[in-house]
Amino acid sequence: MIFIVNQDRKGRSYRNFNHDEFDKELLSIDWNTLFLNKNCDDKVKIFLHKINHLLDEMAPIKKLSKKEIEFKQKPWLTIGILKSIKIRDKIYKKFLAAKDPLNKQTLFRDFKIKRNIITTLIRDSKSQYYKNYFDENSKNAKKTWDGIREILKVSTKNRSLPTKLKDGKKLCYQC
């Protein structure tokens, strides 16, 4: 699992993260410096420094690949769906490499079945993701609208309005 830290295409890699070891290291941290300090801001800085130092050791920040960034933008893609996609792609590669027409036909049929199942799974997973998202944020109008904009792919940046409307070759409206 990858957690995106910032927009510089970097994120924490939790691939080799060990929860038990993290808990053990967390318990071994000396928190006395935190409690001795009276300034609240300093306490937060000390706490965050210790946690970030531990996370840097156990889940280092690394540059994300294009594929990792793409999958982070689609949180409804589960590990199971990703494994199914890999299997589907392997079947397709075998189909492309096959020379025997009967084998090629069988592989193509298997590919189509797998493709259709994955498409259905992705639609259901995406639907469930947004249902949960809107259920969790039903009382937060900003988050609700952020979700709606994400679904509709509405961006407030670089948005240009049309200056003309044409129907075939006939100009209907010009600004």
N, C-alpha and C. Protein backbone atom coordinates (compact mmCIF):
# COMPACT_ATOMS: atom_id res chain seq x y z
N MET A 1 0.84 -1.18 0.00
CA MET A 1 0.00 0.00 0.00
C MET A 1 0.88 1.23 0.00
N ILE A 2 0.48 2.24 -0.74
CA ILE A 2 1.22 3.49 -0.85
C ILE A 2 0.33 4.61 -0.34
N PHE A 3 0.90 5.52 0.43
CA PHE A 3 0.17 6.68 0.92
C PHE A 3 0.83 7.91 0.33
N ILE A 4 0.09 8.73 -0.42
CA ILE A 4 0.66 9.91 -1.07
C ILE A 4 0.90 10.99 -0.03
N VAL A 5 2.15 11.48 0.03
CA VAL A 5 2.54 12.50 0.99
C VAL A 5 2.25 13.89 0.44
N ASN A 6 2.60 14.14 -0.81
CA ASN A 6 2.37 15.46 -1.40
C ASN A 6 2.18 15.32 -2.90
N GLN A 7 2.01 16.45 -3.56
CA GLN A 7 1.75 16.43 -4.99
C GLN A 7 3.02 16.23 -5.82
N ASP A 8 4.19 16.11 -5.18
CA ASP A 8 5.46 15.92 -5.88
C ASP A 8 5.65 14.48 -6.31
N ARG A 9 4.58 13.73 -6.34
CA ARG A 9 4.61 12.33 -6.78
C ARG A 9 5.50 11.48 -5.87
N LYS A 10 5.41 11.76 -4.58
CA LYS A 10 6.12 10.95 -3.60
C LYS A 10 5.11 10.41 -2.61
N GLY A 11 5.44 9.29 -2.00
CA GLY A 11 4.53 8.71 -1.03
C GLY A 11 5.25 7.73 -0.13
N ARG A 12 4.61 7.36 0.96
CA ARG A 12 5.17 6.38 1.87
C ARG A 12 4.87 4.99 1.35
N SER A 13 5.88 4.15 1.37
CA SER A 13 5.71 2.78 0.93
C SER A 13 5.48 1.89 2.16
N TYR A 14 4.29 1.32 2.25
CA TYR A 14 3.95 0.44 3.36
C TYR A 14 4.11 -1.03 2.95
N ARG A 15 4.84 -1.28 1.89
CA ARG A 15 5.00 -2.62 1.36
C ARG A 15 5.63 -3.56 2.39
N ASN A 16 6.69 -3.12 3.08
CA ASN A 16 7.39 -3.95 4.05
C ASN A 16 7.09 -3.52 5.49
N PHE A 17 6.00 -2.81 5.68
CA PHE A 17 5.63 -2.30 7.00
C PHE A 17 5.18 -3.43 7.91
N ASN A 18 5.73 -3.46 9.12
CA ASN A 18 5.38 -4.49 10.10
C ASN A 18 4.69 -3.80 11.28
N HIS A 19 3.40 -4.05 11.46
CA HIS A 19 2.62 -3.40 12.51
C HIS A 19 3.14 -3.74 13.90
N ASP A 20 3.50 -5.00 14.12
CA ASP A 20 3.99 -5.41 15.44
C ASP A 20 5.30 -4.71 15.78
N GLU A 21 6.19 -4.63 14.82
CA GLU A 21 7.47 -3.96 15.04
C GLU A 21 7.25 -2.47 15.28
N PHE A 22 6.32 -1.87 14.54
CA PHE A 22 5.99 -0.45 14.73
C PHE A 22 5.47 -0.21 16.14
N ASP A 23 4.56 -1.08 16.61
CA ASP A 23 4.03 -0.95 17.98
C ASP A 23 5.13 -1.08 19.01
N LYS A 24 6.04 -2.03 18.80
CA LYS A 24 7.16 -2.26 19.72
C LYS A 24 8.06 -1.02 19.78
N GLU A 25 8.39 -0.46 18.62
CA GLU A 25 9.24 0.74 18.56
C GLU A 25 8.52 1.94 19.17
N LEU A 26 7.21 2.02 18.97
CA LEU A 26 6.42 3.12 19.53
C LEU A 26 6.44 3.09 21.05
N LEU A 27 6.35 1.88 21.61
CA LEU A 27 6.39 1.74 23.07
C LEU A 27 7.76 2.04 23.64
N SER A 28 8.81 1.88 22.85
CA SER A 28 10.17 2.11 23.34
C SER A 28 10.60 3.58 23.26
N ILE A 29 9.79 4.44 22.67
CA ILE A 29 10.14 5.86 22.56
C ILE A 29 10.05 6.51 23.93
N ASP A 30 11.06 7.36 24.25
CA ASP A 30 11.07 8.10 25.50
C ASP A 30 10.23 9.37 25.32
N TRP A 31 9.07 9.39 25.97
CA TRP A 31 8.13 10.50 25.82
C TRP A 31 8.33 11.58 26.89
N ASN A 32 9.33 11.44 27.75
CA ASN A 32 9.53 12.41 28.84
C ASN A 32 9.77 13.82 28.32
N THR A 33 10.50 13.97 27.23
CA THR A 33 10.74 15.31 26.68
C THR A 33 9.42 15.97 26.25
N LEU A 34 8.48 15.16 25.86
CA LEU A 34 7.17 15.68 25.46
C LEU A 34 6.43 16.23 26.67
N PHE A 35 6.47 15.49 27.78
CA PHE A 35 5.70 15.89 28.96
C PHE A 35 6.38 16.98 29.77
N LEU A 36 7.70 17.10 29.64
CA LEU A 36 8.43 18.13 30.38
C LEU A 36 8.21 19.51 29.80
N ASN A 37 7.94 19.58 28.53
CA ASN A 37 7.74 20.85 27.86
C ASN A 37 6.36 21.40 28.17
N LYS A 38 6.27 22.72 28.45
CA LYS A 38 4.98 23.31 28.82
C LYS A 38 4.27 23.95 27.63
N ASN A 39 5.00 24.26 26.59
CA ASN A 39 4.42 24.92 25.42
C ASN A 39 3.73 23.87 24.55
N CYS A 40 2.48 24.09 24.27
CA CYS A 40 1.68 23.14 23.48
C CYS A 40 2.24 22.96 22.07
N ASP A 41 2.66 24.05 21.43
CA ASP A 41 3.21 23.97 20.08
C ASP A 41 4.47 23.11 20.05
N ASP A 42 5.32 23.26 21.07
CA ASP A 42 6.54 22.46 21.14
C ASP A 42 6.22 20.98 21.35
N LYS A 43 5.20 20.72 22.16
CA LYS A 43 4.78 19.32 22.38
C LYS A 43 4.34 18.65 21.08
N VAL A 44 3.57 19.39 20.28
CA VAL A 44 3.10 18.85 19.00
C VAL A 44 4.28 18.62 18.07
N LYS A 45 5.23 19.58 18.02
CA LYS A 45 6.42 19.42 17.17
C LYS A 45 7.23 18.21 17.58
N ILE A 46 7.43 18.01 18.88
CA ILE A 46 8.20 16.86 19.37
C ILE A 46 7.49 15.56 19.02
N PHE A 47 6.17 15.54 19.25
CA PHE A 47 5.39 14.33 18.95
C PHE A 47 5.48 13.99 17.45
N LEU A 48 5.23 14.97 16.60
CA LEU A 48 5.27 14.74 15.15
C LEU A 48 6.66 14.33 14.68
N HIS A 49 7.70 14.95 15.27
CA HIS A 49 9.07 14.60 14.90
C HIS A 49 9.36 13.13 15.22
N LYS A 50 8.96 12.69 16.40
CA LYS A 50 9.21 11.29 16.80
C LYS A 50 8.44 10.30 15.94
N ILE A 51 7.18 10.61 15.66
CA ILE A 51 6.36 9.71 14.83
C ILE A 51 6.89 9.68 13.39
N ASN A 52 7.21 10.85 12.84
CA ASN A 52 7.72 10.91 11.47
C ASN A 52 9.07 10.20 11.35
N HIS A 53 9.92 10.34 12.35
CA HIS A 53 11.21 9.65 12.34
C HIS A 53 11.01 8.14 12.31
N LEU A 54 10.09 7.66 13.12
CA LEU A 54 9.79 6.22 13.15
C LEU A 54 9.19 5.76 11.82
N LEU A 55 8.28 6.55 11.27
CA LEU A 55 7.68 6.20 9.97
C LEU A 55 8.71 6.22 8.85
N ASP A 56 9.66 7.17 8.91
CA ASP A 56 10.70 7.23 7.88
C ASP A 56 11.55 5.95 7.88
N GLU A 57 11.75 5.36 9.05
CA GLU A 57 12.51 4.11 9.14
C GLU A 57 11.69 2.93 8.62
N MET A 58 10.41 2.87 8.98
CA MET A 58 9.60 1.68 8.70
C MET A 58 8.79 1.77 7.41
N ALA A 59 8.46 2.98 6.99
CA ALA A 59 7.71 3.18 5.74
C ALA A 59 8.32 4.38 5.03
N PRO A 60 9.46 4.17 4.38
CA PRO A 60 10.18 5.30 3.78
C PRO A 60 9.40 5.98 2.66
N ILE A 61 9.71 7.25 2.46
CA ILE A 61 9.10 8.02 1.37
C ILE A 61 9.87 7.68 0.10
N LYS A 62 9.12 7.38 -0.96
CA LYS A 62 9.75 7.05 -2.24
C LYS A 62 8.99 7.73 -3.36
N LYS A 63 9.63 7.82 -4.50
CA LYS A 63 8.98 8.39 -5.67
C LYS A 63 7.97 7.39 -6.21
N LEU A 64 6.77 7.86 -6.51
CA LEU A 64 5.71 6.99 -7.01
C LEU A 64 5.80 6.83 -8.52
N SER A 65 5.49 5.63 -8.98
CA SER A 65 5.43 5.40 -10.43
C SER A 65 4.11 5.96 -10.96
N LYS A 66 4.00 6.08 -12.27
CA LYS A 66 2.75 6.58 -12.87
C LYS A 66 1.59 5.65 -12.52
N LYS A 67 1.88 4.36 -12.48
CA LYS A 67 0.84 3.38 -12.18
C LYS A 67 0.34 3.53 -10.74
N GLU A 68 1.27 3.76 -9.79
CA GLU A 68 0.88 3.95 -8.39
C GLU A 68 0.05 5.21 -8.21
N ILE A 69 0.40 6.27 -8.92
CA ILE A 69 -0.36 7.52 -8.84
C ILE A 69 -1.76 7.30 -9.40
N GLU A 70 -1.84 6.58 -10.52
CA GLU A 70 -3.13 6.30 -11.16
C GLU A 70 -4.04 5.50 -10.22
N PHE A 71 -3.47 4.49 -9.55
CA PHE A 71 -4.29 3.68 -8.66
C PHE A 71 -4.69 4.43 -7.40
N LYS A 72 -3.87 5.40 -6.96
CA LYS A 72 -4.24 6.21 -5.80
C LYS A 72 -5.41 7.13 -6.16
N GLN A 73 -5.51 7.48 -7.44
CA GLN A 73 -6.61 8.33 -7.86
C GLN A 73 -7.89 7.53 -8.06
N LYS A 74 -7.78 6.20 -7.98
CA LYS A 74 -8.94 5.32 -8.11
C LYS A 74 -8.99 4.39 -6.88
N PRO A 75 -9.42 4.92 -5.73
CA PRO A 75 -9.37 4.13 -4.50
C PRO A 75 -10.34 2.95 -4.47
N TRP A 76 -11.25 2.87 -5.42
CA TRP A 76 -12.19 1.74 -5.47
C TRP A 76 -11.55 0.49 -6.06
N LEU A 77 -10.36 0.62 -6.65
CA LEU A 77 -9.67 -0.56 -7.18
C LEU A 77 -9.04 -1.32 -6.02
N THR A 78 -9.57 -2.48 -5.72
CA THR A 78 -9.09 -3.28 -4.60
C THR A 78 -7.94 -4.17 -5.04
N ILE A 79 -7.28 -4.78 -4.08
CA ILE A 79 -6.18 -5.70 -4.39
C ILE A 79 -6.70 -6.87 -5.22
N GLY A 80 -7.88 -7.36 -4.90
CA GLY A 80 -8.47 -8.46 -5.65
C GLY A 80 -8.73 -8.09 -7.10
N ILE A 81 -9.24 -6.89 -7.33
CA ILE A 81 -9.50 -6.44 -8.70
C ILE A 81 -8.18 -6.30 -9.45
N LEU A 82 -7.15 -5.76 -8.80
CA LEU A 82 -5.86 -5.60 -9.45
C LEU A 82 -5.25 -6.95 -9.83
N LYS A 83 -5.41 -7.95 -8.96
CA LYS A 83 -4.92 -9.29 -9.28
C LYS A 83 -5.68 -9.86 -10.46
N SER A 84 -6.99 -9.65 -10.50
CA SER A 84 -7.79 -10.11 -11.63
C SER A 84 -7.38 -9.44 -12.92
N ILE A 85 -7.04 -8.15 -12.85
CA ILE A 85 -6.58 -7.43 -14.04
C ILE A 85 -5.29 -8.04 -14.56
N LYS A 86 -4.37 -8.38 -13.66
CA LYS A 86 -3.11 -9.02 -14.07
C LYS A 86 -3.38 -10.36 -14.76
N ILE A 87 -4.29 -11.14 -14.20
CA ILE A 87 -4.63 -12.44 -14.80
C ILE A 87 -5.23 -12.23 -16.19
N ARG A 88 -6.15 -11.25 -16.30
CA ARG A 88 -6.77 -10.93 -17.59
C ARG A 88 -5.71 -10.54 -18.62
N ASP A 89 -4.76 -9.72 -18.19
CA ASP A 89 -3.71 -9.27 -19.11
C ASP A 89 -2.82 -10.43 -19.56
N LYS A 90 -2.56 -11.37 -18.66
CA LYS A 90 -1.76 -12.56 -19.02
C LYS A 90 -2.50 -13.40 -20.06
N ILE A 91 -3.80 -13.55 -19.87
CA ILE A 91 -4.60 -14.30 -20.84
C ILE A 91 -4.55 -13.60 -22.20
N TYR A 92 -4.64 -12.28 -22.21
CA TYR A 92 -4.61 -11.54 -23.46
C TYR A 92 -3.25 -11.69 -24.17
N LYS A 93 -2.16 -11.66 -23.39
CA LYS A 93 -0.83 -11.86 -23.99
C LYS A 93 -0.71 -13.25 -24.60
N LYS A 94 -1.25 -14.25 -23.90
CA LYS A 94 -1.24 -15.61 -24.46
C LYS A 94 -2.06 -15.66 -25.75
N PHE A 95 -3.19 -14.96 -25.77
CA PHE A 95 -4.03 -14.90 -26.97
C PHE A 95 -3.25 -14.30 -28.14
N LEU A 96 -2.52 -13.21 -27.89
CA LEU A 96 -1.76 -12.56 -28.96
C LEU A 96 -0.64 -13.46 -29.48
N ALA A 97 -0.04 -14.25 -28.58
CA ALA A 97 1.09 -15.10 -28.97
C ALA A 97 0.65 -16.43 -29.58
N ALA A 98 -0.60 -16.82 -29.39
CA ALA A 98 -1.07 -18.13 -29.86
C ALA A 98 -1.08 -18.21 -31.38
N LYS A 99 -0.67 -19.36 -31.88
CA LYS A 99 -0.64 -19.61 -33.33
C LYS A 99 -1.81 -20.48 -33.77
N ASP A 100 -2.18 -21.43 -32.92
CA ASP A 100 -3.26 -22.36 -33.23
C ASP A 100 -4.61 -21.63 -33.18
N PRO A 101 -5.40 -21.65 -34.27
CA PRO A 101 -6.68 -20.92 -34.30
C PRO A 101 -7.67 -21.38 -33.22
N LEU A 102 -7.71 -22.68 -32.94
CA LEU A 102 -8.62 -23.18 -31.91
C LEU A 102 -8.22 -22.68 -30.52
N ASN A 103 -6.92 -22.74 -30.24
CA ASN A 103 -6.40 -22.25 -28.96
C ASN A 103 -6.62 -20.74 -28.85
N LYS A 104 -6.40 -20.03 -29.96
CA LYS A 104 -6.59 -18.58 -29.99
C LYS A 104 -8.05 -18.22 -29.70
N GLN A 105 -8.96 -18.96 -30.27
CA GLN A 105 -10.38 -18.72 -30.05
C GLN A 105 -10.75 -18.97 -28.58
N THR A 106 -10.23 -20.05 -27.99
CA THR A 106 -10.50 -20.38 -26.59
C THR A 106 -9.94 -19.30 -25.67
N LEU A 107 -8.71 -18.86 -25.95
CA LEU A 107 -8.09 -17.81 -25.13
C LEU A 107 -8.86 -16.50 -25.24
N PHE A 108 -9.33 -16.17 -26.45
CA PHE A 108 -10.09 -14.93 -26.63
C PHE A 108 -11.42 -15.00 -25.86
N ARG A 109 -12.07 -16.16 -25.89
CA ARG A 109 -13.31 -16.34 -25.14
C ARG A 109 -13.06 -16.17 -23.63
N ASP A 110 -11.96 -16.79 -23.14
CA ASP A 110 -11.60 -16.66 -21.73
C ASP A 110 -11.30 -15.20 -21.37
N PHE A 111 -10.60 -14.52 -22.29
CA PHE A 111 -10.27 -13.10 -22.07
C PHE A 111 -11.54 -12.26 -21.97
N LYS A 112 -12.49 -12.47 -22.90
CA LYS A 112 -13.73 -11.69 -22.88
C LYS A 112 -14.53 -11.92 -21.61
N ILE A 113 -14.60 -13.18 -21.16
CA ILE A 113 -15.32 -13.50 -19.93
C ILE A 113 -14.68 -12.77 -18.75
N LYS A 114 -13.34 -12.86 -18.66
CA LYS A 114 -12.61 -12.21 -17.56
C LYS A 114 -12.77 -10.69 -17.64
N ARG A 115 -12.69 -10.13 -18.85
CA ARG A 115 -12.84 -8.69 -19.04
C ARG A 115 -14.21 -8.21 -18.56
N ASN A 116 -15.26 -8.95 -18.92
CA ASN A 116 -16.61 -8.55 -18.54
C ASN A 116 -16.81 -8.66 -17.03
N ILE A 117 -16.26 -9.69 -16.42
CA ILE A 117 -16.36 -9.83 -14.96
C ILE A 117 -15.65 -8.68 -14.27
N ILE A 118 -14.45 -8.35 -14.74
CA ILE A 118 -13.69 -7.25 -14.12
C ILE A 118 -14.41 -5.92 -14.30
N THR A 119 -14.98 -5.69 -15.46
CA THR A 119 -15.73 -4.45 -15.69
C THR A 119 -16.89 -4.33 -14.71
N THR A 120 -17.61 -5.42 -14.50
CA THR A 120 -18.71 -5.43 -13.55
C THR A 120 -18.21 -5.19 -12.13
N LEU A 121 -17.10 -5.85 -11.76
CA LEU A 121 -16.53 -5.67 -10.42
C LEU A 121 -16.11 -4.22 -10.19
N ILE A 122 -15.48 -3.62 -11.19
CA ILE A 122 -15.03 -2.23 -11.05
C ILE A 122 -16.22 -1.29 -10.90
N ARG A 123 -17.27 -1.50 -11.70
CA ARG A 123 -18.47 -0.66 -11.59
C ARG A 123 -19.10 -0.79 -10.20
N ASP A 124 -19.22 -2.04 -9.71
CA ASP A 124 -19.81 -2.26 -8.39
C ASP A 124 -18.95 -1.66 -7.29
N SER A 125 -17.64 -1.83 -7.40
CA SER A 125 -16.72 -1.31 -6.40
C SER A 125 -16.74 0.22 -6.37
N LYS A 126 -16.76 0.83 -7.55
CA LYS A 126 -16.82 2.28 -7.64
C LYS A 126 -18.13 2.81 -7.06
N SER A 127 -19.22 2.14 -7.39
CA SER A 127 -20.52 2.53 -6.87
C SER A 127 -20.55 2.44 -5.35
N GLN A 128 -20.02 1.34 -4.81
CA GLN A 128 -19.97 1.14 -3.36
C GLN A 128 -19.06 2.18 -2.70
N TYR A 129 -17.94 2.50 -3.34
CA TYR A 129 -17.00 3.50 -2.80
C TYR A 129 -17.71 4.84 -2.64
N TYR A 130 -18.39 5.29 -3.70
CA TYR A 130 -19.06 6.59 -3.63
C TYR A 130 -20.28 6.56 -2.71
N LYS A 131 -20.96 5.44 -2.61
CA LYS A 131 -22.07 5.32 -1.67
C LYS A 131 -21.55 5.50 -0.24
N ASN A 132 -20.46 4.81 0.09
CA ASN A 132 -19.85 4.95 1.42
C ASN A 132 -19.35 6.37 1.64
N TYR A 133 -18.73 6.96 0.61
CA TYR A 133 -18.21 8.32 0.71
C TYR A 133 -19.33 9.30 1.05
N PHE A 134 -20.45 9.21 0.32
CA PHE A 134 -21.56 10.14 0.58
C PHE A 134 -22.27 9.84 1.89
N ASP A 135 -22.31 8.60 2.32
CA ASP A 135 -22.88 8.26 3.62
C ASP A 135 -22.04 8.87 4.75
N GLU A 136 -20.72 8.76 4.63
CA GLU A 136 -19.82 9.30 5.66
C GLU A 136 -19.86 10.82 5.69
N ASN A 137 -20.03 11.46 4.54
CA ASN A 137 -19.96 12.91 4.45
C ASN A 137 -21.32 13.55 4.21
N SER A 138 -22.38 12.89 4.64
CA SER A 138 -23.73 13.41 4.39
C SER A 138 -24.01 14.73 5.11
N LYS A 139 -23.30 15.00 6.19
CA LYS A 139 -23.53 16.23 6.94
C LYS A 139 -22.49 17.30 6.61
N ASN A 140 -21.58 17.01 5.70
CA ASN A 140 -20.54 17.94 5.32
C ASN A 140 -20.76 18.35 3.85
N ALA A 141 -21.32 19.54 3.65
CA ALA A 141 -21.68 19.99 2.30
C ALA A 141 -20.45 20.14 1.40
N LYS A 142 -19.34 20.63 1.96
CA LYS A 142 -18.13 20.82 1.14
C LYS A 142 -17.62 19.49 0.62
N LYS A 143 -17.55 18.48 1.48
CA LYS A 143 -17.08 17.15 1.06
C LYS A 143 -18.06 16.53 0.07
N THR A 144 -19.35 16.74 0.29
CA THR A 144 -20.35 16.21 -0.62
C THR A 144 -20.15 16.79 -2.01
N TRP A 145 -19.97 18.11 -2.09
CA TRP A 145 -19.78 18.75 -3.39
C TRP A 145 -18.44 18.36 -4.02
N ASP A 146 -17.41 18.15 -3.17
CA ASP A 146 -16.12 17.67 -3.69
C ASP A 146 -16.30 16.31 -4.35
N GLY A 147 -17.10 15.44 -3.73
CA GLY A 147 -17.38 14.13 -4.30
C GLY A 147 -18.15 14.22 -5.61
N ILE A 148 -19.12 15.11 -5.66
CA ILE A 148 -19.90 15.31 -6.88
C ILE A 148 -19.00 15.82 -8.00
N ARG A 149 -18.13 16.79 -7.68
CA ARG A 149 -17.21 17.32 -8.70
C ARG A 149 -16.25 16.24 -9.18
N GLU A 150 -15.82 15.37 -8.27
CA GLU A 150 -14.91 14.29 -8.65
C GLU A 150 -15.60 13.32 -9.60
N ILE A 151 -16.85 13.00 -9.33
CA ILE A 151 -17.60 12.08 -10.20
C ILE A 151 -17.81 12.70 -11.58
N LEU A 152 -18.18 13.97 -11.59
CA LEU A 152 -18.47 14.66 -12.85
C LEU A 152 -17.22 15.16 -13.56
N LYS A 153 -16.06 15.01 -12.90
CA LYS A 153 -14.78 15.48 -13.46
C LYS A 153 -14.82 16.98 -13.75
N VAL A 154 -15.41 17.72 -12.82
CA VAL A 154 -15.49 19.17 -12.95
C VAL A 154 -14.26 19.77 -12.29
N SER A 155 -13.55 20.59 -13.02
CA SER A 155 -12.38 21.26 -12.48
C SER A 155 -12.60 22.76 -12.56
N THR A 156 -12.29 23.45 -11.47
CA THR A 156 -12.46 24.90 -11.48
C THR A 156 -11.26 25.57 -12.15
N LYS A 157 -10.12 24.87 -12.25
CA LYS A 157 -8.93 25.43 -12.88
C LYS A 157 -9.01 25.23 -14.39
N ASN A 158 -8.51 26.19 -15.11
CA ASN A 158 -8.40 26.11 -16.57
C ASN A 158 -9.73 25.75 -17.24
N ARG A 159 -10.80 26.26 -16.73
CA ARG A 159 -12.10 25.96 -17.29
C ARG A 159 -12.46 27.05 -18.29
N SER A 160 -12.69 26.67 -19.52
CA SER A 160 -13.05 27.65 -20.53
C SER A 160 -14.45 27.36 -21.04
N LEU A 161 -15.19 28.41 -21.26
CA LEU A 161 -16.54 28.28 -21.76
C LEU A 161 -16.53 28.40 -23.28
N PRO A 162 -17.46 27.76 -23.96
CA PRO A 162 -17.49 27.86 -25.42
C PRO A 162 -17.84 29.28 -25.86
N THR A 163 -17.25 29.68 -26.98
CA THR A 163 -17.54 31.01 -27.52
C THR A 163 -18.55 30.94 -28.66
N LYS A 164 -18.71 29.73 -29.26
CA LYS A 164 -19.64 29.53 -30.36
C LYS A 164 -20.33 28.19 -30.20
N LEU A 165 -21.55 28.13 -30.72
CA LEU A 165 -22.27 26.86 -30.81
C LEU A 165 -22.64 26.65 -32.27
N LYS A 166 -22.31 25.47 -32.79
CA LYS A 166 -22.62 25.17 -34.18
C LYS A 166 -23.52 23.95 -34.25
N ASP A 167 -24.44 24.00 -35.20
CA ASP A 167 -25.29 22.85 -35.51
C ASP A 167 -24.95 22.48 -36.94
N GLY A 168 -24.05 21.48 -37.05
CA GLY A 168 -23.55 21.15 -38.39
C GLY A 168 -22.67 22.28 -38.88
N LYS A 169 -23.09 22.93 -39.97
CA LYS A 169 -22.33 24.08 -40.48
C LYS A 169 -22.97 25.40 -40.12
N LYS A 170 -24.14 25.37 -39.50
CA LYS A 170 -24.91 26.57 -39.16
C LYS A 170 -24.48 27.06 -37.77
N LEU A 171 -24.12 28.34 -37.68
CA LEU A 171 -23.73 28.96 -36.40
C LEU A 171 -25.00 29.34 -35.65
N CYS A 172 -25.19 28.76 -34.46
CA CYS A 172 -26.40 29.01 -33.68
C CYS A 172 -26.24 30.17 -32.72
N TYR A 173 -25.04 30.28 -32.13
CA TYR A 173 -24.85 31.31 -31.10
C TYR A 173 -23.40 31.70 -31.07
N GLN A 174 -23.11 33.01 -30.92
CA GLN A 174 -21.74 33.47 -30.80
C GLN A 174 -21.70 34.51 -29.71
N CYS A 175 -20.69 34.41 -28.84
CA CYS A 175 -20.53 35.36 -27.74
C CYS A 175 -19.84 36.61 -28.20
